[in-house]
Amino acid sequence: MNALRIRRPGRLAAEAVTLLVAAAVAFPLYWMVLSAFKPAGEIQSTDPRPWTLAPSLDSFRRVFEQQEFGRYFVNSLIVAGTVVLASALIAFLAATAVTRFRFRFRTTLLVMFLVAQMVPVEALTIPLFFLMRDLGQLNTLGSLILPHIAFSLPFAIWMLRGFVKAVPEALEEQAQIDGASRTRFLWQILFPLVFPGLVATSVFSFISTWNDFLFAKSFLISDTSQSTLPMALLVFFKPDENDWGGIMAGSTVMTIPVLVFFVLVQRRLVSGLGGAVKD
């Protein structure tokens, strides 16, 4: 009882701090959604209030009436989906290789993965621009897919390496004794065991790719049909006065797929992060 009494105030304080942090993190999201439903008069008011008594869908109407908004949405889905699938597959195979096989410069390769994570994206934008130009990928979705795969792989490989390492080698030996080939063990035994880690890395890949503006602005120069949703928000930024209602409504629409994706993989994500921390 004494131990419970001593721990309880500390636990209550920790829960209070957690609620405060959660509220601080969620408040910008709440204000974005609120501003999307506010009429223009309230958005431009000099006395902003954290509520509205006259919600309006005018901002959403302007967003969906924007020309080719549906195309931008599909482009974002194609880019994010391709990056998630490709990076997950490559990272799984690479993590298996650096964990299960012994070869020269393996440690050097792993260190290079970490170094790649330290380089700012802004510092590589110009070299990547010339690389995409030489490959003939400017003004195509490939100019967005290839860099995001490259930037997603180092983190994914490092994270999946812990999951692959946690699978006992004796399990692979037993599978070989039972007649399973290495390929069969890889896809039917190892892949399901590290799947939570794949989900965790996929969430980060999806979010960073879905919200990307820098690469889209740099590599999609003239062909607006290849634009993604972050580029569509530029329509609401005007020289004389920004359409903040449209900006907030478009941002809200952009957030929905991320939330849906997160809800679908939530359980796998929690177990994946737990496995990563344990390792």
C-alpha atoms as a PDB file:
ATOM      1  CA  MET A   1       0.000   0.000   0.000  1.00  0.00           C
ATOM      2  CA  ASN A   2       2.810   2.405   0.849  1.00  0.00           C
ATOM      3  CA  ALA A   3       4.462   1.693  -2.481  1.00  0.00           C
ATOM      4  CA  LEU A   4       1.198   2.360  -4.295  1.00  0.00           C
ATOM      5  CA  ARG A   5       0.728   5.630  -2.414  1.00  0.00           C
ATOM      6  CA  ILE A   6       4.263   6.723  -3.310  1.00  0.00           C
ATOM      7  CA  ARG A   7       3.918   5.847  -6.976  1.00  0.00           C
ATOM      8  CA  ARG A   8       0.446   7.264  -7.497  1.00  0.00           C
ATOM      9  CA  PRO A   9       1.350  11.002  -7.391  1.00  0.00           C
ATOM     10  CA  GLY A  10       4.185  10.398  -9.843  1.00  0.00           C
ATOM     11  CA  ARG A  11       1.896   8.455 -12.137  1.00  0.00           C
ATOM     12  CA  LEU A  12      -0.727  11.176 -12.026  1.00  0.00           C
ATOM     13  CA  ALA A  13       1.896  13.798 -12.848  1.00  0.00           C
ATOM     14  CA  ALA A  14       3.149  11.719 -15.765  1.00  0.00           C
ATOM     15  CA  GLU A  15      -0.390  11.295 -17.092  1.00  0.00           C
ATOM     16  CA  ALA A  16      -1.047  15.038 -16.743  1.00  0.00           C
ATOM     17  CA  VAL A  17       2.132  15.869 -18.649  1.00  0.00           C
ATOM     18  CA  THR A  18       1.195  13.329 -21.327  1.00  0.00           C
ATOM     19  CA  LEU A  19      -2.232  14.917 -21.758  1.00  0.00           C
ATOM     20  CA  LEU A  20      -0.694  18.379 -22.021  1.00  0.00           C
ATOM     21  CA  VAL A  21       1.784  17.226 -24.657  1.00  0.00           C
ATOM     22  CA  ALA A  22      -0.964  15.434 -26.584  1.00  0.00           C
ATOM     23  CA  ALA A  23      -3.142  18.564 -26.477  1.00  0.00           C
ATOM     24  CA  ALA A  24      -0.263  20.728 -27.688  1.00  0.00           C
ATOM     25  CA  VAL A  25       0.414  18.346 -30.563  1.00  0.00           C
ATOM     26  CA  ALA A  26      -3.271  17.993 -31.516  1.00  0.00           C
ATOM     27  CA  PHE A  27      -4.133  21.703 -31.300  1.00  0.00           C
ATOM     28  CA  PRO A  28      -2.647  22.679 -34.710  1.00  0.00           C
ATOM     29  CA  LEU A  29      -4.604  19.847 -36.321  1.00  0.00           C
ATOM     30  CA  TYR A  30      -7.777  21.010 -34.587  1.00  0.00           C
ATOM     31  CA  TRP A  31      -7.197  24.607 -35.687  1.00  0.00           C
ATOM     32  CA  MET A  32      -6.614  23.483 -39.276  1.00  0.00           C
ATOM     33  CA  VAL A  33      -9.909  21.570 -39.396  1.00  0.00           C
ATOM     34  CA  LEU A  34     -11.737  24.394 -37.614  1.00  0.00           C
ATOM     35  CA  SER A  35     -10.420  26.978 -40.082  1.00  0.00           C
ATOM     36  CA  ALA A  36     -11.503  24.760 -42.968  1.00  0.00           C
ATOM     37  CA  PHE A  37     -15.105  24.922 -41.724  1.00  0.00           C
ATOM     38  CA  LYS A  38     -15.090  28.594 -40.744  1.00  0.00           C
ATOM     39  CA  PRO A  39     -16.724  31.143 -43.084  1.00  0.00           C
ATOM     40  CA  ALA A  40     -14.430  33.701 -44.693  1.00  0.00           C
ATOM     41  CA  GLY A  41     -15.465  36.453 -42.296  1.00  0.00           C
ATOM     42  CA  GLU A  42     -14.374  34.510 -39.216  1.00  0.00           C
ATOM     43  CA  ILE A  43     -11.078  33.424 -40.748  1.00  0.00           C
ATOM     44  CA  GLN A  44     -10.125  37.016 -41.513  1.00  0.00           C
ATOM     45  CA  SER A  45     -11.374  38.324 -38.183  1.00  0.00           C
ATOM     46  CA  THR A  46      -8.900  40.113 -35.929  1.00  0.00           C
ATOM     47  CA  ASP A  47     -10.495  38.355 -32.952  1.00  0.00           C
ATOM     48  CA  PRO A  48     -10.029  34.638 -33.679  1.00  0.00           C
ATOM     49  CA  ARG A  49     -12.025  32.182 -31.621  1.00  0.00           C
ATOM     50  CA  PRO A  50     -11.412  28.443 -31.121  1.00  0.00           C
ATOM     51  CA  TRP A  51     -14.939  27.599 -32.293  1.00  0.00           C
ATOM     52  CA  THR A  52     -17.492  28.550 -34.918  1.00  0.00           C
ATOM     53  CA  LEU A  53     -21.263  28.833 -34.688  1.00  0.00           C
ATOM     54  CA  ALA A  54     -21.746  28.978 -38.461  1.00  0.00           C
ATOM     55  CA  PRO A  55     -19.790  26.110 -40.061  1.00  0.00           C
ATOM     56  CA  SER A  56     -19.513  26.306 -43.827  1.00  0.00           C
ATOM     57  CA  LEU A  57     -18.393  23.971 -46.621  1.00  0.00           C
ATOM     58  CA  ASP A  58     -17.457  26.789 -48.994  1.00  0.00           C
ATOM     59  CA  SER A  59     -13.728  26.194 -48.529  1.00  0.00           C
ATOM     60  CA  PHE A  60     -14.072  22.493 -49.352  1.00  0.00           C
ATOM     61  CA  ARG A  61     -16.222  23.385 -52.351  1.00  0.00           C
ATOM     62  CA  ARG A  62     -13.478  25.617 -53.723  1.00  0.00           C
ATOM     63  CA  VAL A  63     -10.936  22.841 -53.206  1.00  0.00           C
ATOM     64  CA  PHE A  64     -12.931  20.182 -55.056  1.00  0.00           C
ATOM     65  CA  GLU A  65     -13.892  22.605 -57.802  1.00  0.00           C
ATOM     66  CA  GLN A  66     -10.222  23.224 -58.486  1.00  0.00           C
ATOM     67  CA  GLN A  67      -9.246  21.963 -61.912  1.00  0.00           C
ATOM     68  CA  GLU A  68      -7.559  18.530 -61.933  1.00  0.00           C
ATOM     69  CA  PHE A  69      -7.675  18.164 -58.144  1.00  0.00           C
ATOM     70  CA  GLY A  70      -8.626  14.502 -58.604  1.00  0.00           C
ATOM     71  CA  ARG A  71      -5.609  13.956 -60.842  1.00  0.00           C
ATOM     72  CA  TYR A  72      -3.318  15.440 -58.204  1.00  0.00           C
ATOM     73  CA  PHE A  73      -4.840  13.121 -55.604  1.00  0.00           C
ATOM     74  CA  VAL A  74      -4.257  10.063 -57.804  1.00  0.00           C
ATOM     75  CA  ASN A  75      -0.688  11.160 -58.527  1.00  0.00           C
ATOM     76  CA  SER A  76       0.016  11.395 -54.804  1.00  0.00           C
ATOM     77  CA  LEU A  77      -1.429   7.922 -54.257  1.00  0.00           C
ATOM     78  CA  ILE A  78       0.689   6.480 -57.074  1.00  0.00           C
ATOM     79  CA  VAL A  79       3.900   8.067 -55.798  1.00  0.00           C
ATOM     80  CA  ALA A  80       3.333   7.211 -52.121  1.00  0.00           C
ATOM     81  CA  GLY A  81       2.103   3.684 -52.844  1.00  0.00           C
ATOM     82  CA  THR A  82       5.030   2.899 -55.141  1.00  0.00           C
ATOM     83  CA  VAL A  83       7.565   4.256 -52.655  1.00  0.00           C
ATOM     84  CA  VAL A  84       6.050   2.258 -49.780  1.00  0.00           C
ATOM     85  CA  LEU A  85       5.989  -1.040 -51.675  1.00  0.00           C
ATOM     86  CA  ALA A  86       9.371  -0.664 -53.356  1.00  0.00           C
ATOM     87  CA  SER A  87      11.219   0.567 -50.267  1.00  0.00           C
ATOM     88  CA  ALA A  88       9.673  -2.164 -48.095  1.00  0.00           C
ATOM     89  CA  LEU A  89      10.684  -4.904 -50.536  1.00  0.00           C
ATOM     90  CA  ILE A  90      14.221  -3.620 -51.089  1.00  0.00           C
ATOM     91  CA  ALA A  91      14.753  -2.892 -47.397  1.00  0.00           C
ATOM     92  CA  PHE A  92      13.596  -6.381 -46.415  1.00  0.00           C
ATOM     93  CA  LEU A  93      16.014  -8.050 -48.830  1.00  0.00           C
ATOM     94  CA  ALA A  94      18.870  -5.712 -47.906  1.00  0.00           C
ATOM     95  CA  ALA A  95      18.304  -6.123 -44.159  1.00  0.00           C
ATOM     96  CA  THR A  96      18.313  -9.901 -44.590  1.00  0.00           C
ATOM     97  CA  ALA A  97      21.549  -9.743 -46.583  1.00  0.00           C
ATOM     98  CA  VAL A  98      23.475  -7.568 -44.094  1.00  0.00           C
ATOM     99  CA  THR A  99      22.221  -9.643 -41.156  1.00  0.00           C
ATOM    100  CA  ARG A 100      22.429 -13.225 -42.400  1.00  0.00           C
ATOM    101  CA  PHE A 101      25.489 -13.039 -44.647  1.00  0.00           C
ATOM    102  CA  ARG A 102      29.095 -12.260 -43.813  1.00  0.00           C
ATOM    103  CA  PHE A 103      30.959 -10.262 -46.454  1.00  0.00           C
ATOM    104  CA  ARG A 104      33.664  -7.635 -46.677  1.00  0.00           C
ATOM    105  CA  PHE A 105      32.817  -4.018 -45.895  1.00  0.00           C
ATOM    106  CA  ARG A 106      29.526  -5.021 -44.293  1.00  0.00           C
ATOM    107  CA  THR A 107      30.135  -2.729 -41.316  1.00  0.00           C
ATOM    108  CA  THR A 108      31.233   0.060 -43.651  1.00  0.00           C
ATOM    109  CA  LEU A 109      28.025  -0.331 -45.592  1.00  0.00           C
ATOM    110  CA  LEU A 110      25.925  -0.058 -42.440  1.00  0.00           C
ATOM    111  CA  VAL A 111      27.805   3.058 -41.370  1.00  0.00           C
ATOM    112  CA  MET A 112      27.172   4.561 -44.799  1.00  0.00           C
ATOM    113  CA  PHE A 113      23.451   4.015 -44.241  1.00  0.00           C
ATOM    114  CA  LEU A 114      23.676   6.135 -41.096  1.00  0.00           C
ATOM    115  CA  VAL A 115      25.733   8.819 -42.823  1.00  0.00           C
ATOM    116  CA  ALA A 116      23.133   9.006 -45.586  1.00  0.00           C
ATOM    117  CA  GLN A 117      20.504   9.816 -42.973  1.00  0.00           C
ATOM    118  CA  MET A 118      22.559  12.750 -41.691  1.00  0.00           C
ATOM    119  CA  VAL A 119      22.783  14.602 -45.010  1.00  0.00           C
ATOM    120  CA  PRO A 120      20.090  17.323 -45.275  1.00  0.00           C
ATOM    121  CA  VAL A 121      17.635  16.822 -48.099  1.00  0.00           C
ATOM    122  CA  GLU A 122      18.007  20.463 -49.150  1.00  0.00           C
ATOM    123  CA  ALA A 123      21.730  19.949 -49.785  1.00  0.00           C
ATOM    124  CA  LEU A 124      20.995  17.148 -52.253  1.00  0.00           C
ATOM    125  CA  THR A 125      18.140  18.770 -54.150  1.00  0.00           C
ATOM    126  CA  ILE A 126      20.302  20.460 -56.798  1.00  0.00           C
ATOM    127  CA  PRO A 127      22.469  17.354 -57.490  1.00  0.00           C
ATOM    128  CA  LEU A 128      19.290  15.276 -57.679  1.00  0.00           C
ATOM    129  CA  PHE A 129      17.811  17.782 -60.129  1.00  0.00           C
ATOM    130  CA  PHE A 130      20.730  17.306 -62.524  1.00  0.00           C
ATOM    131  CA  LEU A 131      20.576  13.532 -62.013  1.00  0.00           C
ATOM    132  CA  MET A 132      16.860  13.431 -62.848  1.00  0.00           C
ATOM    133  CA  ARG A 133      17.533  15.634 -65.869  1.00  0.00           C
ATOM    134  CA  ASP A 134      20.247  13.292 -67.147  1.00  0.00           C
ATOM    135  CA  LEU A 135      17.928  10.314 -66.632  1.00  0.00           C
ATOM    136  CA  GLY A 136      15.136  12.089 -68.508  1.00  0.00           C
ATOM    137  CA  GLN A 137      12.816  11.922 -65.504  1.00  0.00           C
ATOM    138  CA  LEU A 138      12.017  15.602 -65.028  1.00  0.00           C
ATOM    139  CA  ASN A 139       8.280  16.402 -65.169  1.00  0.00           C
ATOM    140  CA  THR A 140       7.450  12.761 -64.438  1.00  0.00           C
ATOM    141  CA  LEU A 141       6.323  10.915 -61.335  1.00  0.00           C
ATOM    142  CA  GLY A 142       9.571   8.956 -61.514  1.00  0.00           C
ATOM    143  CA  SER A 143      11.473  12.062 -60.417  1.00  0.00           C
ATOM    144  CA  LEU A 144       9.532  11.885 -57.135  1.00  0.00           C
ATOM    145  CA  ILE A 145       9.502   8.114 -56.702  1.00  0.00           C
ATOM    146  CA  LEU A 146      13.232   7.429 -57.139  1.00  0.00           C
ATOM    147  CA  PRO A 147      14.559  10.008 -54.617  1.00  0.00           C
ATOM    148  CA  HIS A 148      12.001   9.070 -51.984  1.00  0.00           C
ATOM    149  CA  ILE A 149      12.889   5.399 -52.292  1.00  0.00           C
ATOM    150  CA  ALA A 150      16.554   6.302 -51.863  1.00  0.00           C
ATOM    151  CA  PHE A 151      15.858   8.427 -48.768  1.00  0.00           C
ATOM    152  CA  SER A 152      13.532   5.815 -47.224  1.00  0.00           C
ATOM    153  CA  LEU A 153      15.909   2.875 -47.528  1.00  0.00           C
ATOM    154  CA  PRO A 154      18.623   3.713 -44.930  1.00  0.00           C
ATOM    155  CA  PHE A 155      16.155   4.084 -42.065  1.00  0.00           C
ATOM    156  CA  ALA A 156      14.128   1.070 -43.200  1.00  0.00           C
ATOM    157  CA  ILE A 157      17.180  -1.169 -43.501  1.00  0.00           C
ATOM    158  CA  TRP A 158      18.476  -0.210 -40.060  1.00  0.00           C
ATOM    159  CA  MET A 159      15.087  -0.792 -38.471  1.00  0.00           C
ATOM    160  CA  LEU A 160      14.418  -4.121 -40.211  1.00  0.00           C
ATOM    161  CA  ARG A 161      17.909  -5.345 -39.395  1.00  0.00           C
ATOM    162  CA  GLY A 162      16.851  -5.677 -35.756  1.00  0.00           C
ATOM    163  CA  PHE A 163      13.784  -7.729 -36.677  1.00  0.00           C
ATOM    164  CA  VAL A 164      15.750 -10.070 -38.934  1.00  0.00           C
ATOM    165  CA  LYS A 165      18.439 -10.466 -36.278  1.00  0.00           C
ATOM    166  CA  ALA A 166      15.792 -11.380 -33.693  1.00  0.00           C
ATOM    167  CA  VAL A 167      14.758 -14.441 -35.746  1.00  0.00           C
ATOM    168  CA  PRO A 168      16.961 -17.353 -34.542  1.00  0.00           C
ATOM    169  CA  GLU A 169      19.236 -18.885 -37.115  1.00  0.00           C
ATOM    170  CA  ALA A 170      18.214 -22.260 -35.703  1.00  0.00           C
ATOM    171  CA  LEU A 171      14.783 -21.644 -37.217  1.00  0.00           C
ATOM    172  CA  GLU A 172      16.325 -21.396 -40.662  1.00  0.00           C
ATOM    173  CA  GLU A 173      18.391 -24.519 -40.061  1.00  0.00           C
ATOM    174  CA  GLN A 174      15.276 -26.411 -38.973  1.00  0.00           C
ATOM    175  CA  ALA A 175      13.445 -25.246 -42.099  1.00  0.00           C
ATOM    176  CA  GLN A 176      16.295 -26.502 -44.274  1.00  0.00           C
ATOM    177  CA  ILE A 177      16.213 -29.856 -42.514  1.00  0.00           C
ATOM    178  CA  ASP A 178      12.490 -30.053 -43.266  1.00  0.00           C
ATOM    179  CA  GLY A 179      13.246 -29.497 -46.961  1.00  0.00           C
ATOM    180  CA  ALA A 180      12.494 -25.790 -47.285  1.00  0.00           C
ATOM    181  CA  SER A 181      14.710 -23.854 -49.659  1.00  0.00           C
ATOM    182  CA  ARG A 182      16.247 -20.518 -48.692  1.00  0.00           C
ATOM    183  CA  THR A 183      13.736 -18.714 -50.904  1.00  0.00           C
ATOM    184  CA  ARG A 184      10.825 -20.476 -49.257  1.00  0.00           C
ATOM    185  CA  PHE A 185      12.173 -19.692 -45.791  1.00  0.00           C
ATOM    186  CA  LEU A 186      12.638 -16.068 -46.809  1.00  0.00           C
ATOM    187  CA  TRP A 187       9.055 -15.473 -47.950  1.00  0.00           C
ATOM    188  CA  GLN A 188       6.994 -17.971 -45.970  1.00  0.00           C
ATOM    189  CA  ILE A 189       8.732 -17.832 -42.588  1.00  0.00           C
ATOM    190  CA  LEU A 190      10.996 -14.796 -42.260  1.00  0.00           C
ATOM    191  CA  PHE A 191       8.764 -12.309 -44.064  1.00  0.00           C
ATOM    192  CA  PRO A 192       5.700 -12.847 -41.801  1.00  0.00           C
ATOM    193  CA  LEU A 193       7.900 -12.574 -38.701  1.00  0.00           C
ATOM    194  CA  VAL A 194       9.351  -9.181 -39.696  1.00  0.00           C
ATOM    195  CA  PHE A 195       6.093  -7.874 -41.185  1.00  0.00           C
ATOM    196  CA  PRO A 196       5.387  -5.590 -38.159  1.00  0.00           C
ATOM    197  CA  GLY A 197       8.709  -3.894 -38.803  1.00  0.00           C
ATOM    198  CA  LEU A 198       7.810  -3.465 -42.467  1.00  0.00           C
ATOM    199  CA  VAL A 199       4.574  -1.772 -41.433  1.00  0.00           C
ATOM    200  CA  ALA A 200       6.409   0.607 -39.102  1.00  0.00           C
ATOM    201  CA  THR A 201       8.882   1.658 -41.781  1.00  0.00           C
ATOM    202  CA  SER A 202       6.087   1.941 -44.348  1.00  0.00           C
ATOM    203  CA  VAL A 203       4.259   4.499 -42.192  1.00  0.00           C
ATOM    204  CA  PHE A 204       7.268   6.798 -42.134  1.00  0.00           C
ATOM    205  CA  SER A 205       7.854   6.325 -45.862  1.00  0.00           C
ATOM    206  CA  PHE A 206       4.216   7.056 -46.656  1.00  0.00           C
ATOM    207  CA  ILE A 207       4.032  10.214 -44.540  1.00  0.00           C
ATOM    208  CA  SER A 208       7.275  11.727 -45.847  1.00  0.00           C
ATOM    209  CA  THR A 209       6.352  10.985 -49.459  1.00  0.00           C
ATOM    210  CA  TRP A 210       2.727  12.088 -49.183  1.00  0.00           C
ATOM    211  CA  ASN A 211       3.649  15.456 -47.657  1.00  0.00           C
ATOM    212  CA  ASP A 212       6.598  16.144 -49.944  1.00  0.00           C
ATOM    213  CA  PHE A 213       6.709  19.605 -51.462  1.00  0.00           C
ATOM    214  CA  LEU A 214      10.417  20.236 -52.058  1.00  0.00           C
ATOM    215  CA  PHE A 215      10.984  17.531 -54.677  1.00  0.00           C
ATOM    216  CA  ALA A 216       7.638  18.179 -56.371  1.00  0.00           C
ATOM    217  CA  LYS A 217       8.426  21.893 -56.659  1.00  0.00           C
ATOM    218  CA  SER A 218      11.978  21.231 -57.887  1.00  0.00           C
ATOM    219  CA  PHE A 219      11.443  18.389 -60.365  1.00  0.00           C
ATOM    220  CA  LEU A 220       7.962  19.101 -61.777  1.00  0.00           C
ATOM    221  CA  ILE A 221       8.735  22.258 -63.699  1.00  0.00           C
ATOM    222  CA  SER A 222       6.285  22.605 -66.581  1.00  0.00           C
ATOM    223  CA  ASP A 223       3.964  19.576 -66.703  1.00  0.00           C
ATOM    224  CA  THR A 224       1.279  20.387 -64.132  1.00  0.00           C
ATOM    225  CA  SER A 225      -0.571  17.149 -64.924  1.00  0.00           C
ATOM    226  CA  GLN A 226       2.130  15.316 -62.922  1.00  0.00           C
ATOM    227  CA  SER A 227       1.686  17.498 -59.836  1.00  0.00           C
ATOM    228  CA  THR A 228       0.798  16.095 -56.428  1.00  0.00           C
ATOM    229  CA  LEU A 229      -1.507  17.409 -53.715  1.00  0.00           C
ATOM    230  CA  PRO A 230       1.040  19.679 -51.952  1.00  0.00           C
ATOM    231  CA  MET A 231       1.520  21.467 -55.271  1.00  0.00           C
ATOM    232  CA  ALA A 232      -2.242  21.918 -55.598  1.00  0.00           C
ATOM    233  CA  LEU A 233      -2.232  24.097 -52.481  1.00  0.00           C
ATOM    234  CA  LEU A 234      -0.202  26.735 -54.328  1.00  0.00           C
ATOM    235  CA  VAL A 235      -3.374  27.777 -56.149  1.00  0.00           C
ATOM    236  CA  PHE A 236      -4.725  29.261 -52.911  1.00  0.00           C
ATOM    237  CA  PHE A 237      -1.606  31.372 -52.296  1.00  0.00           C
ATOM    238  CA  LYS A 238      -2.262  34.639 -54.097  1.00  0.00           C
ATOM    239  CA  PRO A 239      -0.155  37.803 -54.372  1.00  0.00           C
ATOM    240  CA  ASP A 240      -2.826  40.105 -52.958  1.00  0.00           C
ATOM    241  CA  GLU A 241      -4.478  37.919 -50.316  1.00  0.00           C
ATOM    242  CA  ASN A 242      -4.118  34.231 -49.481  1.00  0.00           C
ATOM    243  CA  ASP A 243      -7.220  32.036 -49.418  1.00  0.00           C
ATOM    244  CA  TRP A 244      -6.636  30.592 -45.954  1.00  0.00           C
ATOM    245  CA  GLY A 245      -9.945  28.766 -45.979  1.00  0.00           C
ATOM    246  CA  GLY A 246      -8.957  26.923 -49.148  1.00  0.00           C
ATOM    247  CA  ILE A 247      -5.478  26.248 -47.787  1.00  0.00           C
ATOM    248  CA  MET A 248      -6.849  24.748 -44.576  1.00  0.00           C
ATOM    249  CA  ALA A 249      -9.520  22.761 -46.403  1.00  0.00           C
ATOM    250  CA  GLY A 250      -6.947  21.368 -48.848  1.00  0.00           C
ATOM    251  CA  SER A 251      -4.623  20.498 -45.982  1.00  0.00           C
ATOM    252  CA  THR A 252      -7.485  18.711 -44.223  1.00  0.00           C
ATOM    253  CA  VAL A 253      -8.230  16.670 -47.332  1.00  0.00           C
ATOM    254  CA  MET A 254      -4.530  15.807 -47.588  1.00  0.00           C
ATOM    255  CA  THR A 255      -4.472  14.624 -43.974  1.00  0.00           C
ATOM    256  CA  ILE A 256      -7.364  12.166 -44.351  1.00  0.00           C
ATOM    257  CA  PRO A 257      -5.449   9.471 -46.322  1.00  0.00           C
ATOM    258  CA  VAL A 258      -2.602   9.625 -43.792  1.00  0.00           C
ATOM    259  CA  LEU A 259      -5.032   9.113 -40.906  1.00  0.00           C
ATOM    260  CA  VAL A 260      -6.793   6.272 -42.730  1.00  0.00           C
ATOM    261  CA  PHE A 261      -3.473   4.566 -43.463  1.00  0.00           C
ATOM    262  CA  PHE A 262      -2.373   5.004 -39.840  1.00  0.00           C
ATOM    263  CA  VAL A 263      -5.634   3.547 -38.477  1.00  0.00           C
ATOM    264  CA  LEU A 264      -5.395   0.530 -40.793  1.00  0.00           C
ATOM    265  CA  VAL A 265      -1.863  -0.340 -39.652  1.00  0.00           C
ATOM    266  CA  GLN A 266      -2.080   0.904 -36.074  1.00  0.00           C
ATOM    267  CA  ARG A 267      -1.818  -2.476 -34.364  1.00  0.00           C
ATOM    268  CA  ARG A 268       1.033  -3.613 -36.566  1.00  0.00           C
ATOM    269  CA  LEU A 269       2.764  -0.267 -36.054  1.00  0.00           C
ATOM    270  CA  VAL A 270       2.682  -0.541 -32.258  1.00  0.00           C
ATOM    271  CA  SER A 271       4.123  -4.068 -32.306  1.00  0.00           C
ATOM    272  CA  GLY A 272       6.703  -3.007 -34.870  1.00  0.00           C
ATOM    273  CA  LEU A 273       7.935  -0.062 -32.825  1.00  0.00           C
ATOM    274  CA  GLY A 274       7.915  -2.234 -29.706  1.00  0.00           C
ATOM    275  CA  GLY A 275      10.091  -4.793 -31.446  1.00  0.00           C
ATOM    276  CA  ALA A 276      12.473  -2.081 -32.596  1.00  0.00           C
ATOM    277  CA  VAL A 277      12.820  -0.673 -29.079  1.00  0.00           C
ATOM    278  CA  LYS A 278      13.332  -4.139 -27.636  1.00  0.00           C
ATOM    279  CA  ASP A 279      16.128  -4.814 -30.065  1.00  0.00           C
END
